[in-house]
PDB file of all heavy atoms in Angstrom:
ATOM      1  N   LEU A   1      17.261  19.463  71.602  1.00  0.00           N
ATOM      2  CA  LEU A   1      17.603  20.063  70.315  1.00  0.00           C
ATOM      3  C   LEU A   1      17.154  19.171  69.159  1.00  0.00           C
ATOM      4  O   LEU A   1      16.633  19.661  68.150  1.00  0.00           O
ATOM      5  CB  LEU A   1      19.099  20.346  70.227  1.00  0.00           C
ATOM      6  CG  LEU A   1      19.599  20.984  68.942  1.00  0.00           C
ATOM      7  CD1 LEU A   1      18.851  22.274  68.608  1.00  0.00           C
ATOM      8  CD2 LEU A   1      21.100  21.241  69.033  1.00  0.00           C
ATOM      9  N   LYS A   2      17.323  17.877  69.288  1.00  0.00           N
ATOM     10  CA  LYS A   2      16.879  16.956  68.236  1.00  0.00           C
ATOM     11  C   LYS A   2      15.370  17.065  68.056  1.00  0.00           C
ATOM     12  O   LYS A   2      14.865  17.088  66.929  1.00  0.00           O
ATOM     13  CB  LYS A   2      17.281  15.522  68.578  1.00  0.00           C
ATOM     14  CG  LYS A   2      16.846  14.497  67.533  1.00  0.00           C
ATOM     15  CD  LYS A   2      17.441  14.765  66.166  1.00  0.00           C
ATOM     16  CE  LYS A   2      17.227  13.637  65.185  1.00  0.00           C
ATOM     17  NZ  LYS A   2      15.878  13.423  64.729  1.00  0.00           N
ATOM     18  N   GLY A   3      14.637  17.177  69.171  1.00  0.00           N
ATOM     19  CA  GLY A   3      13.195  17.342  69.090  1.00  0.00           C
ATOM     20  C   GLY A   3      12.800  18.661  68.444  1.00  0.00           C
ATOM     21  O   GLY A   3      11.811  18.740  67.712  1.00  0.00           O
ATOM     22  N   TYR A   4      13.574  19.710  68.698  1.00  0.00           N
ATOM     23  CA  TYR A   4      13.343  21.003  68.048  1.00  0.00           C
ATOM     24  C   TYR A   4      13.459  20.836  66.536  1.00  0.00           C
ATOM     25  O   TYR A   4      12.606  21.287  65.771  1.00  0.00           O
ATOM     26  CB  TYR A   4      14.357  22.031  68.569  1.00  0.00           C
ATOM     27  CG  TYR A   4      14.202  23.420  67.993  1.00  0.00           C
ATOM     28  CD1 TYR A   4      13.437  24.369  68.641  1.00  0.00           C
ATOM     29  CD2 TYR A   4      14.843  23.784  66.815  1.00  0.00           C
ATOM     30  CE1 TYR A   4      13.295  25.653  68.127  1.00  0.00           C
ATOM     31  CE2 TYR A   4      14.713  25.059  66.293  1.00  0.00           C
ATOM     32  CZ  TYR A   4      13.942  25.998  66.953  1.00  0.00           C
ATOM     33  OH  TYR A   4      13.813  27.266  66.431  1.00  0.00           O
ATOM     34  N   ILE A   5      14.512  20.170  66.107  1.00  0.00           N
ATOM     35  CA  ILE A   5      14.718  19.957  64.678  1.00  0.00           C
ATOM     36  C   ILE A   5      13.607  19.080  64.108  1.00  0.00           C
ATOM     37  O   ILE A   5      13.049  19.376  63.049  1.00  0.00           O
ATOM     38  CB  ILE A   5      16.123  19.378  64.420  1.00  0.00           C
ATOM     39  CG1 ILE A   5      17.157  20.481  64.693  1.00  0.00           C
ATOM     40  CG2 ILE A   5      16.253  18.837  63.002  1.00  0.00           C
ATOM     41  CD1 ILE A   5      18.581  20.018  64.765  1.00  0.00           C
ATOM     42  N   ASP A   6      13.258  18.000  64.815  1.00  0.00           N
ATOM     43  CA  ASP A   6      12.176  17.125  64.355  1.00  0.00           C
ATOM     44  C   ASP A   6      10.888  17.910  64.113  1.00  0.00           C
ATOM     45  O   ASP A   6      10.197  17.695  63.119  1.00  0.00           O
ATOM     46  CB  ASP A   6      11.870  16.039  65.394  1.00  0.00           C
ATOM     47  CG  ASP A   6      12.916  14.958  65.473  1.00  0.00           C
ATOM     48  OD1 ASP A   6      13.799  14.882  64.597  1.00  0.00           O
ATOM     49  OD2 ASP A   6      12.850  14.172  66.442  1.00  0.00           O
ATOM     50  N   ARG A   7      10.566  18.804  65.025  1.00  0.00           N
ATOM     51  CA  ARG A   7       9.286  19.512  64.952  1.00  0.00           C
ATOM     52  C   ARG A   7       9.346  20.768  64.084  1.00  0.00           C
ATOM     53  O   ARG A   7       8.419  21.042  63.326  1.00  0.00           O
ATOM     54  CB  ARG A   7       8.822  19.887  66.360  1.00  0.00           C
ATOM     55  CG  ARG A   7       8.486  18.661  67.209  1.00  0.00           C
ATOM     56  CD  ARG A   7       7.852  19.035  68.515  1.00  0.00           C
ATOM     57  NE  ARG A   7       6.538  19.633  68.269  1.00  0.00           N
ATOM     58  CZ  ARG A   7       6.031  20.613  68.997  1.00  0.00           C
ATOM     59  NH1 ARG A   7       6.703  21.120  70.015  1.00  0.00           N
ATOM     60  NH2 ARG A   7       4.829  21.099  68.720  1.00  0.00           N
ATOM     61  N   VAL A   8      10.396  21.560  64.210  1.00  0.00           N
ATOM     62  CA  VAL A   8      10.449  22.866  63.541  1.00  0.00           C
ATOM     63  C   VAL A   8      10.919  22.751  62.093  1.00  0.00           C
ATOM     64  O   VAL A   8      10.403  23.426  61.213  1.00  0.00           O
ATOM     65  CB  VAL A   8      11.331  23.842  64.347  1.00  0.00           C
ATOM     66  CG1 VAL A   8      11.498  25.170  63.623  1.00  0.00           C
ATOM     67  CG2 VAL A   8      10.746  24.056  65.748  1.00  0.00           C
ATOM     68  N   PHE A   9      11.867  21.881  61.816  1.00  0.00           N
ATOM     69  CA  PHE A   9      12.388  21.736  60.458  1.00  0.00           C
ATOM     70  C   PHE A   9      11.526  20.720  59.705  1.00  0.00           C
ATOM     71  O   PHE A   9      11.998  19.733  59.174  1.00  0.00           O
ATOM     72  CB  PHE A   9      13.848  21.291  60.487  1.00  0.00           C
ATOM     73  CG  PHE A   9      14.816  22.357  60.963  1.00  0.00           C
ATOM     74  CD1 PHE A   9      14.401  23.455  61.701  1.00  0.00           C
ATOM     75  CD2 PHE A   9      16.154  22.253  60.677  1.00  0.00           C
ATOM     76  CE1 PHE A   9      15.293  24.421  62.131  1.00  0.00           C
ATOM     77  CE2 PHE A   9      17.062  23.209  61.104  1.00  0.00           C
ATOM     78  CZ  PHE A   9      16.631  24.294  61.825  1.00  0.00           C
ATOM     79  N   SER A  10      10.269  20.998  59.638  1.00  0.00           N
ATOM     80  CA  SER A  10       9.286  20.063  59.104  1.00  0.00           C
ATOM     81  C   SER A  10       9.228  20.093  57.575  1.00  0.00           C
ATOM     82  O   SER A  10       9.678  21.046  56.935  1.00  0.00           O
ATOM     83  CB  SER A  10       7.910  20.372  59.685  1.00  0.00           C
ATOM     84  OG  SER A  10       7.509  21.684  59.335  1.00  0.00           O
ATOM     85  N   TYR A  11       8.620  19.033  57.051  1.00  0.00           N
ATOM     86  CA  TYR A  11       8.389  18.929  55.610  1.00  0.00           C
ATOM     87  C   TYR A  11       7.498  20.095  55.176  1.00  0.00           C
ATOM     88  O   TYR A  11       6.501  20.410  55.811  1.00  0.00           O
ATOM     89  CB  TYR A  11       7.701  17.603  55.269  1.00  0.00           C
ATOM     90  CG  TYR A  11       7.513  17.414  53.786  1.00  0.00           C
ATOM     91  CD1 TYR A  11       8.550  16.933  53.017  1.00  0.00           C
ATOM     92  CD2 TYR A  11       6.319  17.764  53.168  1.00  0.00           C
ATOM     93  CE1 TYR A  11       8.405  16.779  51.637  1.00  0.00           C
ATOM     94  CE2 TYR A  11       6.164  17.620  51.792  1.00  0.00           C
ATOM     95  CZ  TYR A  11       7.208  17.136  51.036  1.00  0.00           C
ATOM     96  OH  TYR A  11       7.064  16.998  49.677  1.00  0.00           O
ATOM     97  N   GLY A  12       7.882  20.736  54.098  1.00  0.00           N
ATOM     98  CA  GLY A  12       7.126  21.873  53.606  1.00  0.00           C
ATOM     99  C   GLY A  12       7.634  23.201  54.146  1.00  0.00           C
ATOM    100  O   GLY A  12       7.370  24.249  53.575  1.00  0.00           O
ATOM    101  N   PHE A  13       8.384  23.149  55.243  1.00  0.00           N
ATOM    102  CA  PHE A  13       9.009  24.361  55.778  1.00  0.00           C
ATOM    103  C   PHE A  13      10.512  24.335  55.519  1.00  0.00           C
ATOM    104  O   PHE A  13      11.067  25.288  54.985  1.00  0.00           O
ATOM    105  CB  PHE A  13       8.750  24.525  57.277  1.00  0.00           C
ATOM    106  CG  PHE A  13       9.545  25.656  57.880  1.00  0.00           C
ATOM    107  CD1 PHE A  13       9.178  26.965  57.630  1.00  0.00           C
ATOM    108  CD2 PHE A  13      10.680  25.413  58.640  1.00  0.00           C
ATOM    109  CE1 PHE A  13       9.939  28.026  58.138  1.00  0.00           C
ATOM    110  CE2 PHE A  13      11.442  26.457  59.153  1.00  0.00           C
ATOM    111  CZ  PHE A  13      11.066  27.769  58.895  1.00  0.00           C
ATOM    112  N   ALA A  14      11.179  23.260  55.909  1.00  0.00           N
ATOM    113  CA  ALA A  14      12.632  23.179  55.786  1.00  0.00           C
ATOM    114  C   ALA A  14      13.089  22.404  54.553  1.00  0.00           C
ATOM    115  O   ALA A  14      14.191  22.602  54.066  1.00  0.00           O
ATOM    116  CB  ALA A  14      13.228  22.547  57.041  1.00  0.00           C
ATOM    117  N   TYR A  15      12.245  21.525  54.053  1.00  0.00           N
ATOM    118  CA  TYR A  15      12.588  20.726  52.886  1.00  0.00           C
ATOM    119  C   TYR A  15      11.308  20.206  52.239  1.00  0.00           C
ATOM    120  O   TYR A  15      10.233  20.226  52.843  1.00  0.00           O
ATOM    121  CB  TYR A  15      13.504  19.549  53.261  1.00  0.00           C
ATOM    122  CG  TYR A  15      12.794  18.494  54.075  1.00  0.00           C
ATOM    123  CD1 TYR A  15      12.305  17.335  53.483  1.00  0.00           C
ATOM    124  CD2 TYR A  15      12.584  18.667  55.448  1.00  0.00           C
ATOM    125  CE1 TYR A  15      11.630  16.377  54.224  1.00  0.00           C
ATOM    126  CE2 TYR A  15      11.918  17.717  56.186  1.00  0.00           C
ATOM    127  CZ  TYR A  15      11.441  16.570  55.571  1.00  0.00           C
ATOM    128  OH  TYR A  15      10.765  15.637  56.299  1.00  0.00           O
ATOM    129  N   LYS A  16      11.448  19.756  51.014  1.00  0.00           N
ATOM    130  CA  LYS A  16      10.334  19.112  50.308  1.00  0.00           C
ATOM    131  C   LYS A  16      10.920  18.248  49.203  1.00  0.00           C
ATOM    132  O   LYS A  16      12.132  18.253  48.965  1.00  0.00           O
ATOM    133  CB  LYS A  16       9.366  20.145  49.730  1.00  0.00           C
ATOM    134  CG  LYS A  16       9.941  20.950  48.576  1.00  0.00           C
ATOM    135  CD  LYS A  16       8.919  21.903  47.988  1.00  0.00           C
ATOM    136  CE  LYS A  16       9.529  22.654  46.799  1.00  0.00           C
ATOM    137  NZ  LYS A  16       8.567  23.513  46.153  1.00  0.00           N
ATOM    138  N   TYR A  17      10.046  17.518  48.521  1.00  0.00           N
ATOM    139  CA  TYR A  17      10.459  16.711  47.379  1.00  0.00           C
ATOM    140  C   TYR A  17       9.699  17.184  46.145  1.00  0.00           C
ATOM    141  O   TYR A  17       8.482  17.331  46.188  1.00  0.00           O
ATOM    142  CB  TYR A  17      10.179  15.222  47.618  1.00  0.00           C
ATOM    143  CG  TYR A  17      11.019  14.654  48.730  1.00  0.00           C
ATOM    144  CD1 TYR A  17      10.508  14.491  50.004  1.00  0.00           C
ATOM    145  CD2 TYR A  17      12.351  14.291  48.499  1.00  0.00           C
ATOM    146  CE1 TYR A  17      11.285  13.989  51.026  1.00  0.00           C
ATOM    147  CE2 TYR A  17      13.129  13.793  49.523  1.00  0.00           C
ATOM    148  CZ  TYR A  17      12.594  13.640  50.779  1.00  0.00           C
ATOM    149  OH  TYR A  17      13.373  13.155  51.791  1.00  0.00           O
ATOM    150  N   ASP A  18      10.434  17.441  45.076  1.00  0.00           N
ATOM    151  CA  ASP A  18       9.839  17.771  43.779  1.00  0.00           C
ATOM    152  C   ASP A  18      10.176  16.633  42.836  1.00  0.00           C
ATOM    153  O   ASP A  18      11.356  16.415  42.530  1.00  0.00           O
ATOM    154  CB  ASP A  18      10.419  19.084  43.222  1.00  0.00           C
ATOM    155  CG  ASP A  18       9.781  20.314  43.828  1.00  0.00           C
ATOM    156  OD1 ASP A  18       8.663  20.198  44.376  1.00  0.00           O
ATOM    157  OD2 ASP A  18      10.397  21.394  43.751  1.00  0.00           O
ATOM    158  N   ASP A  19       9.156  15.895  42.429  1.00  0.00           N
ATOM    159  CA  ASP A  19       9.348  14.745  41.537  1.00  0.00           C
ATOM    160  C   ASP A  19      10.416  13.789  42.075  1.00  0.00           C
ATOM    161  O   ASP A  19      11.291  13.329  41.333  1.00  0.00           O
ATOM    162  CB  ASP A  19       9.709  15.203  40.123  1.00  0.00           C
ATOM    163  CG  ASP A  19       8.580  15.972  39.469  1.00  0.00           C
ATOM    164  OD1 ASP A  19       7.399  15.602  39.687  1.00  0.00           O
ATOM    165  OD2 ASP A  19       8.874  16.956  38.758  1.00  0.00           O
ATOM    166  N   GLY A  20      10.359  13.542  43.375  1.00  0.00           N
ATOM    167  CA  GLY A  20      11.292  12.607  44.004  1.00  0.00           C
ATOM    168  C   GLY A  20      12.656  13.181  44.320  1.00  0.00           C
ATOM    169  O   GLY A  20      13.516  12.490  44.856  1.00  0.00           O
ATOM    170  N   VAL A  21      12.874  14.457  44.009  1.00  0.00           N
ATOM    171  CA  VAL A  21      14.167  15.099  44.278  1.00  0.00           C
ATOM    172  C   VAL A  21      14.027  16.002  45.490  1.00  0.00           C
ATOM    173  O   VAL A  21      13.149  16.871  45.534  1.00  0.00           O
ATOM    174  CB  VAL A  21      14.650  15.912  43.053  1.00  0.00           C
ATOM    175  CG1 VAL A  21      15.949  16.633  43.357  1.00  0.00           C
ATOM    176  CG2 VAL A  21      14.787  15.013  41.835  1.00  0.00           C
ATOM    177  N   GLN A  22      14.887  15.801  46.476  1.00  0.00           N
ATOM    178  CA  GLN A  22      14.859  16.583  47.709  1.00  0.00           C
ATOM    179  C   GLN A  22      15.304  18.014  47.430  1.00  0.00           C
ATOM    180  O   GLN A  22      16.271  18.245  46.704  1.00  0.00           O
ATOM    181  CB  GLN A  22      15.774  15.918  48.754  1.00  0.00           C
ATOM    182  CG  GLN A  22      15.865  16.630  50.068  1.00  0.00           C
ATOM    183  CD  GLN A  22      16.921  17.711  50.062  1.00  0.00           C
ATOM    184  OE1 GLN A  22      17.904  17.646  49.351  1.00  0.00           O
ATOM    185  NE2 GLN A  22      16.713  18.720  50.880  1.00  0.00           N
ATOM    186  N   VAL A  23      14.583  18.989  48.019  1.00  0.00           N
ATOM    187  CA  VAL A  23      14.896  20.415  47.882  1.00  0.00           C
ATOM    188  C   VAL A  23      14.961  21.024  49.273  1.00  0.00           C
ATOM    189  O   VAL A  23      14.013  20.938  50.049  1.00  0.00           O
ATOM    190  CB  VAL A  23      13.803  21.147  47.058  1.00  0.00           C
ATOM    191  CG1 VAL A  23      14.111  22.635  46.969  1.00  0.00           C
ATOM    192  CG2 VAL A  23      13.657  20.530  45.684  1.00  0.00           C
ATOM    193  N   GLY A  24      16.098  21.643  49.598  1.00  0.00           N
ATOM    194  CA  GLY A  24      16.240  22.352  50.865  1.00  0.00           C
ATOM    195  C   GLY A  24      15.589  23.713  50.759  1.00  0.00           C
ATOM    196  O   GLY A  24      15.974  24.530  49.920  1.00  0.00           O
ATOM    197  N   LEU A  25      14.605  23.969  51.596  1.00  0.00           N
ATOM    198  CA  LEU A  25      13.844  25.222  51.523  1.00  0.00           C
ATOM    199  C   LEU A  25      14.456  26.361  52.336  1.00  0.00           C
ATOM    200  O   LEU A  25      13.956  27.478  52.291  1.00  0.00           O
ATOM    201  CB  LEU A  25      12.400  24.973  51.974  1.00  0.00           C
ATOM    202  CG  LEU A  25      11.625  23.962  51.127  1.00  0.00           C
ATOM    203  CD1 LEU A  25      10.235  23.724  51.715  1.00  0.00           C
ATOM    204  CD2 LEU A  25      11.529  24.440  49.677  1.00  0.00           C
ATOM    205  N   LEU A  26      15.523  26.067  53.060  1.00  0.00           N
ATOM    206  CA  LEU A  26      16.175  27.118  53.855  1.00  0.00           C
ATOM    207  C   LEU A  26      17.456  27.598  53.178  1.00  0.00           C
ATOM    208  O   LEU A  26      18.337  28.164  53.832  1.00  0.00           O
ATOM    209  CB  LEU A  26      16.427  26.609  55.277  1.00  0.00           C
ATOM    210  CG  LEU A  26      15.156  26.206  56.033  1.00  0.00           C
ATOM    211  CD1 LEU A  26      15.488  25.631  57.398  1.00  0.00           C
ATOM    212  CD2 LEU A  26      14.184  27.373  56.157  1.00  0.00           C
ATOM    213  N   ALA A  27      17.530  27.402  51.885  1.00  0.00           N
ATOM    214  CA  ALA A  27      18.684  27.863  51.106  1.00  0.00           C
ATOM    215  C   ALA A  27      18.825  29.371  51.251  1.00  0.00           C
ATOM    216  O   ALA A  27      17.836  30.089  51.371  1.00  0.00           O
ATOM    217  CB  ALA A  27      18.520  27.475  49.641  1.00  0.00           C
ATOM    218  N   GLY A  28      20.071  29.821  51.254  1.00  0.00           N
ATOM    219  CA  GLY A  28      20.351  31.242  51.420  1.00  0.00           C
ATOM    220  C   GLY A  28      20.657  31.602  52.864  1.00  0.00           C
ATOM    221  O   GLY A  28      21.098  32.711  53.143  1.00  0.00           O
ATOM    222  N   LYS A  29      20.418  30.669  53.773  1.00  0.00           N
ATOM    223  CA  LYS A  29      20.723  30.900  55.188  1.00  0.00           C
ATOM    224  C   LYS A  29      22.031  30.201  55.544  1.00  0.00           C
ATOM    225  O   LYS A  29      22.369  29.164  54.978  1.00  0.00           O
ATOM    226  CB  LYS A  29      19.607  30.348  56.075  1.00  0.00           C
ATOM    227  CG  LYS A  29      18.279  31.065  55.873  1.00  0.00           C
ATOM    228  CD  LYS A  29      17.221  30.511  56.803  1.00  0.00           C
ATOM    229  CE  LYS A  29      15.899  31.204  56.579  1.00  0.00           C
ATOM    230  NZ  LYS A  29      15.921  32.651  56.829  1.00  0.00           N
ATOM    231  N   LYS A  30      22.732  30.793  56.503  1.00  0.00           N
ATOM    232  CA  LYS A  30      23.967  30.188  56.998  1.00  0.00           C
ATOM    233  C   LYS A  30      23.715  29.586  58.371  1.00  0.00           C
ATOM    234  O   LYS A  30      22.812  30.022  59.094  1.00  0.00           O
ATOM    235  CB  LYS A  30      25.078  31.226  57.080  1.00  0.00           C
ATOM    236  CG  LYS A  30      25.499  31.720  55.723  1.00  0.00           C
ATOM    237  CD  LYS A  30      26.700  32.608  55.813  1.00  0.00           C
ATOM    238  CE  LYS A  30      27.090  33.035  54.408  1.00  0.00           C
ATOM    239  NZ  LYS A  30      28.413  33.595  54.357  1.00  0.00           N
ATOM    240  N   ALA A  31      24.521  28.611  58.717  1.00  0.00           N
ATOM    241  CA  ALA A  31      24.449  27.993  60.038  1.00  0.00           C
ATOM    242  C   ALA A  31      25.855  27.858  60.596  1.00  0.00           C
ATOM    243  O   ALA A  31      26.807  27.578  59.865  1.00  0.00           O
ATOM    244  CB  ALA A  31      23.790  26.623  59.957  1.00  0.00           C
ATOM    245  N   THR A  32      25.961  28.079  61.891  1.00  0.00           N
ATOM    246  CA  THR A  32      27.193  27.830  62.623  1.00  0.00           C
ATOM    247  C   THR A  32      26.838  26.947  63.809  1.00  0.00           C
ATOM    248  O   THR A  32      25.819  27.171  64.462  1.00  0.00           O
ATOM    249  CB  THR A  32      27.828  29.147  63.116  1.00  0.00           C
ATOM    250  OG1 THR A  32      28.195  29.936  61.979  1.00  0.00           O
ATOM    251  CG2 THR A  32      29.063  28.893  63.969  1.00  0.00           C
ATOM    252  N   LEU A  33      27.659  25.946  64.044  1.00  0.00           N
ATOM    253  CA  LEU A  33      27.461  25.052  65.176  1.00  0.00           C
ATOM    254  C   LEU A  33      28.598  25.252  66.166  1.00  0.00           C
ATOM    255  O   LEU A  33      29.761  25.375  65.759  1.00  0.00           O
ATOM    256  CB  LEU A  33      27.441  23.593  64.716  1.00  0.00           C
ATOM    257  CG  LEU A  33      26.322  23.267  63.736  1.00  0.00           C
ATOM    258  CD1 LEU A  33      26.852  23.221  62.326  1.00  0.00           C
ATOM    259  CD2 LEU A  33      25.667  21.978  64.111  1.00  0.00           C
ATOM    260  N   ILE A  34      28.250  25.285  67.436  1.00  0.00           N
ATOM    261  CA  ILE A  34      29.245  25.368  68.506  1.00  0.00           C
ATOM    262  C   ILE A  34      28.857  24.304  69.511  1.00  0.00           C
ATOM    263  O   ILE A  34      27.792  24.394  70.125  1.00  0.00           O
ATOM    264  CB  ILE A  34      29.252  26.752  69.187  1.00  0.00           C
ATOM    265  CG1 ILE A  34      29.439  27.868  68.153  1.00  0.00           C
ATOM    266  CG2 ILE A  34      30.332  26.800  70.272  1.00  0.00           C
ATOM    267  CD1 ILE A  34      29.190  29.272  68.704  1.00  0.00           C
ATOM    268  N   HIS A  35      29.695  23.282  69.638  1.00  0.00           N
ATOM    269  CA  HIS A  35      29.358  22.264  70.632  1.00  0.00           C
ATOM    270  C   HIS A  35      30.551  21.954  71.527  1.00  0.00           C
ATOM    271  O   HIS A  35      31.698  22.127  71.132  1.00  0.00           O
ATOM    272  CB  HIS A  35      28.757  21.004  69.975  1.00  0.00           C
ATOM    273  CG  HIS A  35      29.735  19.985  69.507  1.00  0.00           C
ATOM    274  ND1 HIS A  35      30.003  19.756  68.185  1.00  0.00           N
ATOM    275  CD2 HIS A  35      30.477  19.097  70.195  1.00  0.00           C
ATOM    276  CE1 HIS A  35      30.876  18.782  68.066  1.00  0.00           C
ATOM    277  NE2 HIS A  35      31.187  18.362  69.282  1.00  0.00           N
ATOM    278  N   THR A  36      30.209  21.543  72.728  1.00  0.00           N
ATOM    279  CA  THR A  36      31.217  21.125  73.696  1.00  0.00           C
ATOM    280  C   THR A  36      31.142  19.610  73.833  1.00  0.00           C
ATOM    281  O   THR A  36      30.097  19.002  73.598  1.00  0.00           O
ATOM    282  CB  THR A  36      30.984  21.785  75.068  1.00  0.00           C
ATOM    283  OG1 THR A  36      29.676  21.431  75.539  1.00  0.00           O
ATOM    284  CG2 THR A  36      31.109  23.298  74.993  1.00  0.00           C
ATOM    285  N   GLN A  37      32.276  19.025  74.217  1.00  0.00           N
ATOM    286  CA  GLN A  37      32.315  17.582  74.432  1.00  0.00           C
ATOM    287  C   GLN A  37      33.384  17.259  75.453  1.00  0.00           C
ATOM    288  O   GLN A  37      34.328  18.028  75.632  1.00  0.00           O
ATOM    289  CB  GLN A  37      32.566  16.832  73.117  1.00  0.00           C
ATOM    290  CG  GLN A  37      33.907  17.156  72.480  1.00  0.00           C
ATOM    291  CD  GLN A  37      34.048  16.596  71.086  1.00  0.00           C
ATOM    292  OE1 GLN A  37      33.117  16.636  70.300  1.00  0.00           O
ATOM    293  NE2 GLN A  37      35.225  16.072  70.765  1.00  0.00           N
ATOM    294  N   ASN A  38      33.231  16.124  76.108  1.00  0.00           N
ATOM    295  CA  ASN A  38      34.196  15.739  77.135  1.00  0.00           C
ATOM    296  C   ASN A  38      35.398  14.993  76.580  1.00  0.00           C
ATOM    297  O   ASN A  38      36.484  15.103  77.125  1.00  0.00           O
ATOM    298  CB  ASN A  38      33.517  14.922  78.230  1.00  0.00           C
ATOM    299  CG  ASN A  38      32.624  15.803  79.081  1.00  0.00           C
ATOM    300  OD1 ASN A  38      32.921  16.979  79.277  1.00  0.00           O
ATOM    301  ND2 ASN A  38      31.527  15.267  79.559  1.00  0.00           N
ATOM    302  N   LYS A  39      35.241  14.252  75.514  1.00  0.00           N
ATOM    303  CA  LYS A  39      36.381  13.571  74.896  1.00  0.00           C
ATOM    304  C   LYS A  39      37.172  14.565  74.061  1.00  0.00           C
ATOM    305  O   LYS A  39      36.648  15.579  73.605  1.00  0.00           O
ATOM    306  CB  LYS A  39      35.911  12.432  73.998  1.00  0.00           C
ATOM    307  CG  LYS A  39      35.540  11.182  74.726  1.00  0.00           C
ATOM    308  CD  LYS A  39      35.358  10.043  73.742  1.00  0.00           C
ATOM    309  CE  LYS A  39      35.125   8.759  74.503  1.00  0.00           C
ATOM    310  NZ  LYS A  39      35.037   7.619  73.581  1.00  0.00           N
ATOM    311  N   SER A  40      38.422  14.196  73.788  1.00  0.00           N
ATOM    312  CA  SER A  40      39.236  15.051  72.931  1.00  0.00           C
ATOM    313  C   SER A  40      38.812  14.886  71.479  1.00  0.00           C
ATOM    314  O   SER A  40      38.273  13.851  71.083  1.00  0.00           O
ATOM    315  CB  SER A  40      40.718  14.689  73.079  1.00  0.00           C
ATOM    316  OG  SER A  40      40.974  13.432  72.463  1.00  0.00           O
TER     317      SER A  40
END
């Protein structure tokens, strides 16, 4: 999954910098995370 993010959420697709200011290019989208873990 980390490799997916490294490759797919690339500069110019998922984010960019305008005059040194970071801009998220996937604005308007929602995300939900569901993860399992062994510790409490």
